[in-house]
C-alpha atoms as a PDB file:
ATOM      1  CA  MET A   1       0.000   0.000   0.000  1.00  0.00           C
ATOM      2  CA  THR A   2       1.434   3.355  -1.015  1.00  0.00           C
ATOM      3  CA  TRP A   3       0.657   7.073  -0.973  1.00  0.00           C
ATOM      4  CA  THR A   4       0.403   9.237  -4.064  1.00  0.00           C
ATOM      5  CA  ILE A   5      -0.090  12.987  -3.805  1.00  0.00           C
ATOM      6  CA  ALA A   6      -1.142  15.304  -6.603  1.00  0.00           C
ATOM      7  CA  PRO A   7      -2.713  18.735  -7.060  1.00  0.00           C
ATOM      8  CA  GLU A   8      -6.464  18.669  -7.495  1.00  0.00           C
ATOM      9  CA  PRO A   9      -9.142  21.336  -7.954  1.00  0.00           C
ATOM     10  CA  TYR A  10     -10.563  22.358  -4.563  1.00  0.00           C
ATOM     11  CA  ASP A  11     -14.071  21.650  -5.837  1.00  0.00           C
ATOM     12  CA  SER A  12     -13.464  18.180  -7.293  1.00  0.00           C
ATOM     13  CA  PRO A  13     -15.700  15.486  -5.784  1.00  0.00           C
ATOM     14  CA  ASP A  14     -12.788  13.882  -3.893  1.00  0.00           C
ATOM     15  CA  ALA A  15     -11.465  17.210  -2.576  1.00  0.00           C
ATOM     16  CA  ALA A  16     -14.960  18.266  -1.510  1.00  0.00           C
ATOM     17  CA  ALA A  17     -15.531  14.951   0.306  1.00  0.00           C
ATOM     18  CA  LEU A  18     -12.196  15.285   2.133  1.00  0.00           C
ATOM     19  CA  TRP A  19     -13.023  18.891   3.088  1.00  0.00           C
ATOM     20  CA  ARG A  20     -16.390  17.761   4.475  1.00  0.00           C
ATOM     21  CA  ALA A  21     -14.734  14.986   6.510  1.00  0.00           C
ATOM     22  CA  TYR A  22     -12.027  17.341   7.813  1.00  0.00           C
ATOM     23  CA  TYR A  23     -14.420  20.159   8.724  1.00  0.00           C
ATOM     24  CA  THR A  24     -16.870  17.787  10.389  1.00  0.00           C
ATOM     25  CA  GLU A  25     -14.138  16.229  12.516  1.00  0.00           C
ATOM     26  CA  VAL A  26     -12.535  19.467  13.734  1.00  0.00           C
ATOM     27  CA  SER A  27     -15.895  21.166  14.265  1.00  0.00           C
ATOM     28  CA  ASP A  28     -17.297  18.224  16.221  1.00  0.00           C
ATOM     29  CA  ARG A  29     -14.105  18.052  18.318  1.00  0.00           C
ATOM     30  CA  TRP A  30     -14.449  21.734  19.211  1.00  0.00           C
ATOM     31  CA  TYR A  31     -18.130  21.501  20.107  1.00  0.00           C
ATOM     32  CA  LEU A  32     -17.696  18.283  22.082  1.00  0.00           C
ATOM     33  CA  LEU A  33     -14.857  19.852  24.066  1.00  0.00           C
ATOM     34  CA  HIS A  34     -16.527  23.201  24.696  1.00  0.00           C
ATOM     35  CA  GLU A  35     -20.264  22.459  24.664  1.00  0.00           C
ATOM     36  CA  GLY A  36     -20.575  18.683  25.048  1.00  0.00           C
ATOM     37  CA  ARG A  37     -22.354  18.228  21.718  1.00  0.00           C
ATOM     38  CA  ARG A  38     -21.652  17.668  18.045  1.00  0.00           C
ATOM     39  CA  THR A  39     -21.973  20.440  15.485  1.00  0.00           C
ATOM     40  CA  ASP A  40     -25.511  21.452  14.611  1.00  0.00           C
ATOM     41  CA  PRO A  41     -26.191  20.105  11.071  1.00  0.00           C
ATOM     42  CA  GLY A  42     -27.259  23.493   9.721  1.00  0.00           C
ATOM     43  CA  GLU A  43     -24.184  25.182  11.162  1.00  0.00           C
ATOM     44  CA  LEU A  44     -22.009  22.429   9.750  1.00  0.00           C
ATOM     45  CA  GLU A  45     -23.400  22.948   6.243  1.00  0.00           C
ATOM     46  CA  ARG A  46     -22.955  26.732   6.477  1.00  0.00           C
ATOM     47  CA  GLY A  47     -19.348  26.340   7.634  1.00  0.00           C
ATOM     48  CA  ILE A  48     -18.455  23.896   4.886  1.00  0.00           C
ATOM     49  CA  ALA A  49     -20.032  26.129   2.231  1.00  0.00           C
ATOM     50  CA  ALA A  50     -18.472  29.333   3.591  1.00  0.00           C
ATOM     51  CA  GLN A  51     -14.958  27.918   3.309  1.00  0.00           C
ATOM     52  CA  ALA A  52     -15.212  26.036   0.032  1.00  0.00           C
ATOM     53  CA  GLY A  53     -11.523  26.549  -0.781  1.00  0.00           C
ATOM     54  CA  ALA A  54     -11.352  28.962  -3.716  1.00  0.00           C
ATOM     55  CA  GLU A  55      -8.229  30.514  -2.139  1.00  0.00           C
ATOM     56  CA  LEU A  56      -6.475  27.185  -2.791  1.00  0.00           C
ATOM     57  CA  ALA A  57      -6.868  27.496  -6.565  1.00  0.00           C
ATOM     58  CA  PRO A  58      -4.083  28.651  -8.876  1.00  0.00           C
ATOM     59  CA  PRO A  59      -2.462  31.026  -9.389  1.00  0.00           C
ATOM     60  CA  GLY A  60      -2.089  31.859  -5.664  1.00  0.00           C
ATOM     61  CA  GLY A  61      -2.831  28.525  -4.076  1.00  0.00           C
ATOM     62  CA  ARG A  62      -2.796  24.750  -4.445  1.00  0.00           C
ATOM     63  CA  LEU A  63      -4.802  21.915  -2.970  1.00  0.00           C
ATOM     64  CA  LEU A  64      -3.137  18.532  -2.803  1.00  0.00           C
ATOM     65  CA  VAL A  65      -5.036  15.285  -2.431  1.00  0.00           C
ATOM     66  CA  GLY A  66      -3.313  12.206  -1.055  1.00  0.00           C
ATOM     67  CA  ARG A  67      -4.470   8.798  -2.097  1.00  0.00           C
ATOM     68  CA  TYR A  68      -3.637   5.656  -0.196  1.00  0.00           C
ATOM     69  CA  ASP A  69      -3.711   2.589  -2.395  1.00  0.00           C
ATOM     70  CA  GLY A  70      -5.609   4.686  -4.945  1.00  0.00           C
ATOM     71  CA  GLU A  71      -8.354   5.877  -2.570  1.00  0.00           C
ATOM     72  CA  PRO A  72      -8.716   9.551  -1.507  1.00  0.00           C
ATOM     73  CA  ALA A  73      -7.286   9.608   2.018  1.00  0.00           C
ATOM     74  CA  GLY A  74      -5.946  13.068   2.828  1.00  0.00           C
ATOM     75  CA  SER A  75      -5.381  16.638   1.811  1.00  0.00           C
ATOM     76  CA  ALA A  76      -3.206  19.681   2.359  1.00  0.00           C
ATOM     77  CA  GLY A  77      -3.498  23.163   0.941  1.00  0.00           C
ATOM     78  CA  VAL A  78      -1.309  26.222   0.570  1.00  0.00           C
ATOM     79  CA  ARG A  79      -2.119  29.774  -0.359  1.00  0.00           C
ATOM     80  CA  LEU A  80       0.068  32.813  -0.704  1.00  0.00           C
ATOM     81  CA  LEU A  81      -0.417  35.462   1.955  1.00  0.00           C
ATOM     82  CA  ASP A  82       2.193  37.723   0.359  1.00  0.00           C
ATOM     83  CA  ALA A  83       5.051  37.331  -2.124  1.00  0.00           C
ATOM     84  CA  ASP A  84       7.257  35.488   0.395  1.00  0.00           C
ATOM     85  CA  THR A  85       4.779  33.783   2.735  1.00  0.00           C
ATOM     86  CA  ALA A  86       2.446  30.861   2.173  1.00  0.00           C
ATOM     87  CA  GLU A  87      -0.099  29.502   4.612  1.00  0.00           C
ATOM     88  CA  LEU A  88      -0.455  25.755   5.169  1.00  0.00           C
ATOM     89  CA  THR A  89      -4.046  24.685   5.715  1.00  0.00           C
ATOM     90  CA  ARG A  90      -6.408  21.711   5.549  1.00  0.00           C
ATOM     91  CA  VAL A  91      -3.830  19.114   6.527  1.00  0.00           C
ATOM     92  CA  PHE A  92      -5.994  16.063   7.054  1.00  0.00           C
ATOM     93  CA  VAL A  93      -5.743  12.282   6.866  1.00  0.00           C
ATOM     94  CA  VAL A  94      -8.822  10.080   7.145  1.00  0.00           C
ATOM     95  CA  GLU A  95      -8.966   8.067  10.321  1.00  0.00           C
ATOM     96  CA  GLY A  96      -8.577   4.632   8.732  1.00  0.00           C
ATOM     97  CA  VAL A  97      -5.106   5.370   7.309  1.00  0.00           C
ATOM     98  CA  ARG A  98      -3.604   7.549  10.026  1.00  0.00           C
ATOM     99  CA  GLY A  99      -0.196   6.479  11.250  1.00  0.00           C
ATOM    100  CA  ARG A 100       0.977   5.403   7.793  1.00  0.00           C
ATOM    101  CA  GLY A 101       3.100   8.452   6.934  1.00  0.00           C
ATOM    102  CA  GLY A 102       0.533  10.350   4.915  1.00  0.00           C
ATOM    103  CA  ALA A 103       0.502  13.557   6.962  1.00  0.00           C
ATOM    104  CA  ALA A 104       4.257  14.103   6.641  1.00  0.00           C
ATOM    105  CA  LEU A 105       4.107  13.378   2.911  1.00  0.00           C
ATOM    106  CA  LEU A 106       1.217  15.807   2.455  1.00  0.00           C
ATOM    107  CA  VAL A 107       3.070  18.546   4.374  1.00  0.00           C
ATOM    108  CA  ALA A 108       6.233  17.953   2.322  1.00  0.00           C
ATOM    109  CA  ALA A 109       4.224  18.192  -0.908  1.00  0.00           C
ATOM    110  CA  ALA A 110       2.525  21.366   0.351  1.00  0.00           C
ATOM    111  CA  GLU A 111       5.911  22.887   1.195  1.00  0.00           C
ATOM    112  CA  GLU A 112       7.113  22.111  -2.326  1.00  0.00           C
ATOM    113  CA  ALA A 113       3.947  23.677  -3.749  1.00  0.00           C
ATOM    114  CA  ALA A 114       4.612  26.776  -1.623  1.00  0.00           C
ATOM    115  CA  ARG A 115       8.166  26.974  -3.001  1.00  0.00           C
ATOM    116  CA  THR A 116       6.778  26.687  -6.528  1.00  0.00           C
ATOM    117  CA  LEU A 117       4.471  29.617  -5.745  1.00  0.00           C
ATOM    118  CA  GLY A 118       7.570  31.613  -4.743  1.00  0.00           C
ATOM    119  CA  ALA A 119       7.211  31.449  -0.956  1.00  0.00           C
ATOM    120  CA  ARG A 120      10.290  31.584   1.238  1.00  0.00           C
ATOM    121  CA  ARG A 121       8.422  30.728   4.424  1.00  0.00           C
ATOM    122  CA  ILE A 122       5.293  28.904   5.422  1.00  0.00           C
ATOM    123  CA  VAL A 123       2.988  29.625   8.353  1.00  0.00           C
ATOM    124  CA  LEU A 124      -0.029  27.891   9.857  1.00  0.00           C
ATOM    125  CA  ASP A 125      -2.370  28.049  12.795  1.00  0.00           C
ATOM    126  CA  THR A 126      -4.075  25.364  14.825  1.00  0.00           C
ATOM    127  CA  ARG A 127      -5.978  24.826  18.046  1.00  0.00           C
ATOM    128  CA  SER A 128      -4.849  23.555  21.444  1.00  0.00           C
ATOM    129  CA  ASP A 129      -7.066  20.463  21.249  1.00  0.00           C
ATOM    130  CA  LEU A 130      -5.485  19.359  17.958  1.00  0.00           C
ATOM    131  CA  VAL A 131      -2.487  17.909  19.779  1.00  0.00           C
ATOM    132  CA  GLU A 132      -1.689  15.485  16.941  1.00  0.00           C
ATOM    133  CA  ALA A 133      -1.315  18.378  14.510  1.00  0.00           C
ATOM    134  CA  ARG A 134       0.911  20.357  16.859  1.00  0.00           C
ATOM    135  CA  ALA A 135       3.151  17.321  17.388  1.00  0.00           C
ATOM    136  CA  LEU A 136       3.361  16.725  13.632  1.00  0.00           C
ATOM    137  CA  TYR A 137       4.372  20.311  12.866  1.00  0.00           C
ATOM    138  CA  ALA A 138       7.025  20.326  15.601  1.00  0.00           C
ATOM    139  CA  ARG A 139       8.414  17.015  14.313  1.00  0.00           C
ATOM    140  CA  LEU A 140       8.611  18.457  10.780  1.00  0.00           C
ATOM    141  CA  GLY A 141      10.640  21.497  11.857  1.00  0.00           C
ATOM    142  CA  TYR A 142       7.949  24.108  12.429  1.00  0.00           C
ATOM    143  CA  THR A 143       8.566  26.604  15.228  1.00  0.00           C
ATOM    144  CA  GLU A 144       5.772  28.020  17.325  1.00  0.00           C
ATOM    145  CA  THR A 145       5.546  31.804  16.911  1.00  0.00           C
ATOM    146  CA  GLY A 146       3.261  34.690  17.731  1.00  0.00           C
ATOM    147  CA  PRO A 147      -0.037  35.197  15.891  1.00  0.00           C
ATOM    148  CA  HIS A 148      -0.014  35.955  12.175  1.00  0.00           C
ATOM    149  CA  ASN A 149      -3.811  36.198  11.934  1.00  0.00           C
ATOM    150  CA  ASP A 150      -6.838  36.896  14.059  1.00  0.00           C
ATOM    151  CA  ASP A 151      -8.747  33.668  13.438  1.00  0.00           C
ATOM    152  CA  PRO A 152     -11.002  33.230  16.488  1.00  0.00           C
ATOM    153  CA  TYR A 153     -10.256  29.485  16.636  1.00  0.00           C
ATOM    154  CA  ALA A 154      -6.465  29.789  16.276  1.00  0.00           C
ATOM    155  CA  GLU A 155      -4.557  29.216  19.498  1.00  0.00           C
ATOM    156  CA  HIS A 156      -1.119  28.218  18.178  1.00  0.00           C
ATOM    157  CA  TRP A 157       0.809  29.642  15.235  1.00  0.00           C
ATOM    158  CA  PHE A 158       3.779  28.010  13.546  1.00  0.00           C
ATOM    159  CA  ARG A 159       6.370  29.046  10.990  1.00  0.00           C
ATOM    160  CA  LYS A 160       9.047  27.349   8.911  1.00  0.00           C
ATOM    161  CA  GLU A 161      11.613  28.811   6.564  1.00  0.00           C
ATOM    162  CA  LEU A 162      11.550  27.019   3.224  1.00  0.00           C
ATOM    163  CA  VAL A 163      14.893  25.986   1.862  1.00  0.00           C
ATOM    164  CA  ALA A 164      15.047  25.419  -1.905  1.00  0.00           C
ATOM    165  CA  GLY A 165      14.924  21.717  -2.691  1.00  0.00           C
ATOM    166  CA  ALA A 166      14.455  20.606   0.941  1.00  0.00           C
ATOM    167  CA  VAL A 167      12.167  17.642   1.551  1.00  0.00           C
ATOM    168  CA  ASN A 168      10.655  16.427   4.842  1.00  0.00           C
ATOM    169  CA  ARG A 169      11.374  12.851   5.740  1.00  0.00           C
ATOM    170  CA  PRO A 170       8.398  11.121   7.380  1.00  0.00           C
END
């Protein structure tokens, strides 16, 4: 069983299904932690629709879809914030294939996409309850920094300088 990662339109059926799975999981985790309930279905649909992913389309962004043994199993996106800075977003691996190296491969592919877009650094934000994500980013050389945005759900911000030709090793 192997991973393949390739750019894909943010609104392709596979990308849209992965976005729905990702958003549902992180939204439900937040609501379960803070309010003891899952996301209201109407709110879930509004959130998914409001963040469809157009910012991940060329020329200023890329969405990558990872497939495990040919099946859509993960995603990662990058978008330029300015000429030198890209933002990493939507790093997600479906539950059934976690622990098989996909997240590190997706981040490495996203970093390469950011380099191709001309970025010299990459930033991201995440929440305190997403401990797996924070551990992944630290393992891949990201340094926690001060805020670079005012996202109300962001609690941790990370940064990494991109070196031409560098590749993460899972």
